[in-house]
Amino acid sequence: MRFRREPRGEGRRSERTLRALCRQALRGLDLDLPLDAAQLCERYGKRRGRDIKLIAYPLPTAMPNGVWLAAEDADYFFYQANTSKMHQDQIVIHEFGHLIAGHQMLGDQSAATLLAGGDPGPDSDDTDSALRRTCYSDDREWEAEMLASMILTWAEDAGDRVGATESDDDLRGMQRLLGGHRGWL
């Protein structure tokens, strides 16, 4: 689902609108704490009937640290293989932010070329869009980063309150009753 843009000069949606979008996307996913980016993508993909596949890939240095490709069979999040697990999770959640915000920027052919480190040509708008993603001046990047920050902040706050989610269903239910997963969600 895509939320309408707020009537602001830059074309960015407000933080309030992004929080509502984030709550709607995460509600009912029954995520474990500490947050696992792979579980987030797996459960969200299952709920909407379209897999999100995570692929660690040694992205070229001139590229962003993550790329989301929407293929016919699934959504693919390519993320930098040559970095820490924590940074990889941040990259995946940032790409998840693009997905829930409805930001599809790369076509299939140019994305494959970019991942191979090739040059799709000087007139490629897709290449320019991908390379601009290394800074937050673009409205879509700002929105994705805000959504990722909201998700990570919620998970950290919830984890501080209850620690790790229990694997036993009864204890898990008790954690929920005691407010373990509340916060702004």
Protein backbone atom coordinates (compact mmCIF):
# COMPACT_ATOMS: atom_id res chain seq x y z
CA MET A 1 0.00 0.00 0.00
CA ARG A 2 1.30 3.41 -0.85
CA PHE A 3 0.40 6.45 1.21
CA ARG A 4 -0.28 9.73 -0.53
CA ARG A 5 2.39 12.37 -0.43
CA GLU A 6 1.96 15.26 1.95
CA PRO A 7 1.55 18.65 0.25
CA ARG A 8 5.02 19.86 1.19
CA GLY A 9 7.42 21.59 -1.15
CA GLU A 10 10.06 18.84 -1.17
CA GLY A 11 7.65 16.00 -1.92
CA ARG A 12 8.53 14.21 1.31
CA ARG A 13 5.87 12.63 3.44
CA SER A 14 5.74 13.86 7.02
CA GLU A 15 7.20 11.87 9.90
CA ARG A 16 3.66 11.36 11.17
CA THR A 17 2.61 9.81 7.85
CA LEU A 18 5.74 7.62 7.82
CA ARG A 19 5.04 6.43 11.38
CA ALA A 20 1.51 5.44 10.32
CA LEU A 21 2.91 3.62 7.29
CA CYS A 22 5.46 1.83 9.49
CA ARG A 23 2.85 0.81 12.09
CA GLN A 24 0.60 -0.56 9.36
CA ALA A 25 3.46 -2.55 7.79
CA LEU A 26 4.67 -4.08 11.07
CA ARG A 27 1.34 -4.62 12.82
CA GLY A 28 0.57 -8.28 13.33
CA LEU A 29 3.94 -9.65 12.19
CA ASP A 30 4.71 -11.03 15.69
CA LEU A 31 8.40 -10.19 15.38
CA ASP A 32 10.90 -11.58 17.84
CA LEU A 33 13.27 -9.47 19.89
CA PRO A 34 16.01 -8.69 19.31
CA LEU A 35 14.83 -7.74 15.83
CA ASP A 36 16.02 -10.01 13.05
CA ALA A 37 16.00 -8.34 9.61
CA ALA A 38 15.59 -11.69 7.85
CA GLN A 39 12.56 -12.57 10.00
CA LEU A 40 11.04 -9.14 9.32
CA CYS A 41 11.33 -9.66 5.56
CA GLU A 42 10.18 -13.28 5.69
CA ARG A 43 7.04 -12.51 7.69
CA TYR A 44 6.14 -9.38 5.73
CA GLY A 45 6.66 -11.24 2.44
CA LYS A 46 4.50 -14.13 3.61
CA ARG A 47 1.71 -11.79 4.71
CA ARG A 48 1.56 -10.00 1.36
CA GLY A 49 2.05 -13.20 -0.68
CA ARG A 50 5.33 -12.15 -2.30
CA ASP A 51 8.70 -13.36 -1.01
CA ILE A 52 11.50 -11.00 -0.09
CA LYS A 53 14.83 -12.70 -0.72
CA LEU A 54 17.98 -11.43 0.95
CA ILE A 55 21.25 -11.81 -0.92
CA ALA A 56 24.65 -10.86 0.44
CA TYR A 57 26.66 -9.58 -2.50
CA PRO A 58 30.04 -7.83 -2.78
CA LEU A 59 28.62 -4.62 -4.25
CA PRO A 60 31.10 -2.36 -6.06
CA THR A 61 32.37 0.61 -4.07
CA ALA A 62 30.69 3.15 -6.36
CA MET A 63 27.32 1.55 -5.57
CA PRO A 64 25.04 2.04 -2.59
CA ASN A 65 25.35 -0.61 0.14
CA GLY A 66 21.98 -2.09 -0.79
CA VAL A 67 19.73 -2.46 -3.82
CA TRP A 68 16.11 -3.56 -4.02
CA LEU A 69 15.06 -5.34 -7.20
CA ALA A 70 11.43 -6.17 -7.89
CA ALA A 71 11.42 -9.25 -10.12
CA GLU A 72 8.45 -11.24 -11.39
CA ASP A 73 8.84 -13.99 -8.79
CA ALA A 74 9.91 -12.03 -5.68
CA ASP A 75 11.54 -8.90 -4.32
CA TYR A 76 15.31 -9.14 -3.91
CA PHE A 77 17.33 -7.13 -1.43
CA PHE A 78 21.00 -7.23 -2.35
CA TYR A 79 23.14 -5.98 0.50
CA GLN A 80 26.85 -5.44 0.96
CA ALA A 81 28.53 -8.74 1.84
CA ASN A 82 31.76 -7.03 2.92
CA THR A 83 30.57 -5.36 6.12
CA SER A 84 29.48 -6.25 9.67
CA LYS A 85 26.26 -8.15 10.49
CA MET A 86 24.87 -5.06 12.23
CA HIS A 87 25.51 -2.91 9.15
CA GLN A 88 23.99 -5.59 6.90
CA ASP A 89 20.82 -5.58 9.03
CA GLN A 90 20.65 -1.78 8.77
CA ILE A 91 21.01 -2.00 5.00
CA VAL A 92 18.26 -4.64 4.71
CA ILE A 93 15.89 -2.61 6.91
CA HIS A 94 16.65 0.50 4.83
CA GLU A 95 15.70 -1.44 1.67
CA PHE A 96 12.59 -2.66 3.50
CA GLY A 97 11.79 1.01 4.08
CA HIS A 98 11.95 1.61 0.33
CA LEU A 99 9.62 -1.34 -0.25
CA ILE A 100 6.92 -0.32 2.24
CA ALA A 101 7.12 3.28 0.97
CA GLY A 102 6.61 2.12 -2.63
CA HIS A 103 9.92 3.38 -4.01
CA GLN A 104 10.87 1.18 -6.94
CA MET A 105 13.78 2.82 -8.73
CA LEU A 106 15.59 0.21 -10.79
CA GLY A 107 14.43 -1.72 -13.83
CA ASP A 108 15.47 -5.36 -14.16
CA GLN A 109 18.03 -4.94 -16.96
CA SER A 110 19.89 -1.94 -15.61
CA ALA A 111 19.95 -3.43 -12.11
CA ALA A 112 21.59 -6.63 -13.36
CA THR A 113 24.16 -4.53 -15.19
CA LEU A 114 24.81 -2.41 -12.11
CA LEU A 115 25.34 -5.48 -9.90
CA ALA A 116 27.82 -6.81 -12.42
CA GLY A 117 29.71 -3.53 -12.12
CA GLY A 118 29.02 -2.58 -15.73
CA ASP A 119 27.90 0.67 -17.27
CA PRO A 120 24.40 0.61 -18.80
CA GLY A 121 25.17 3.76 -20.74
CA PRO A 122 25.36 7.50 -20.27
CA ASP A 123 21.64 8.08 -20.73
CA SER A 124 20.50 5.65 -18.05
CA ASP A 125 18.24 7.33 -15.52
CA ASP A 126 18.26 4.12 -13.48
CA THR A 127 22.02 4.32 -12.99
CA ASP A 128 21.80 7.93 -11.92
CA SER A 129 19.04 7.09 -9.44
CA ALA A 130 21.03 4.23 -7.97
CA LEU A 131 24.19 6.25 -7.57
CA ARG A 132 22.35 9.20 -6.00
CA ARG A 133 21.16 6.78 -3.32
CA THR A 134 24.48 7.18 -1.54
CA CYS A 135 23.26 10.43 0.07
CA TYR A 136 20.07 11.41 1.87
CA SER A 137 19.22 14.52 -0.13
CA ASP A 138 16.83 12.56 -2.33
CA ASP A 139 13.31 12.46 -0.83
CA ARG A 140 13.01 8.70 -1.30
CA GLU A 141 16.28 8.12 0.51
CA TRP A 142 15.21 10.35 3.37
CA GLU A 143 11.91 8.48 3.69
CA ALA A 144 13.58 5.05 3.60
CA GLU A 145 16.12 6.14 6.18
CA MET A 146 13.41 7.55 8.45
CA LEU A 147 11.40 4.32 8.18
CA ALA A 148 14.50 2.24 8.96
CA SER A 149 15.32 4.45 11.95
CA MET A 150 11.75 4.13 13.25
CA ILE A 151 11.86 0.33 12.99
CA LEU A 152 15.27 0.06 14.65
CA THR A 153 14.32 2.49 17.43
CA TRP A 154 11.10 0.61 18.14
CA ALA A 155 12.96 -2.69 18.29
CA GLU A 156 15.65 -1.30 20.60
CA ASP A 157 13.08 0.30 22.94
CA ALA A 158 10.95 -2.85 23.06
CA GLY A 159 14.03 -5.01 23.62
CA ASP A 160 15.13 -2.77 26.51
CA ARG A 161 11.77 -3.37 28.19
CA VAL A 162 11.54 -7.16 27.87
CA GLY A 163 14.82 -8.49 26.55
CA ALA A 164 14.66 -11.34 24.06
CA THR A 165 11.32 -12.78 23.00
CA GLU A 166 10.55 -16.11 24.63
CA SER A 167 10.19 -19.13 22.37
CA ASP A 168 7.45 -20.70 24.54
CA ASP A 169 4.02 -19.53 23.28
CA ASP A 170 2.61 -19.03 26.80
CA LEU A 171 5.60 -16.95 27.93
CA ARG A 172 5.51 -15.06 24.65
CA GLY A 173 1.85 -14.19 25.29
CA MET A 174 2.72 -13.04 28.81
CA GLN A 175 5.44 -10.76 27.43
CA ARG A 176 2.91 -9.21 25.08
CA LEU A 177 0.39 -8.69 27.90
CA LEU A 178 3.07 -6.95 29.93
CA GLY A 179 3.74 -4.52 27.09
CA GLY A 180 6.88 -5.97 25.54
CA HIS A 181 6.07 -5.05 21.98
CA ARG A 182 4.17 -1.84 22.47
CA GLY A 183 5.94 1.46 22.03
CA TRP A 184 4.57 3.44 19.12
CA LEU A 185 3.37 0.32 17.28
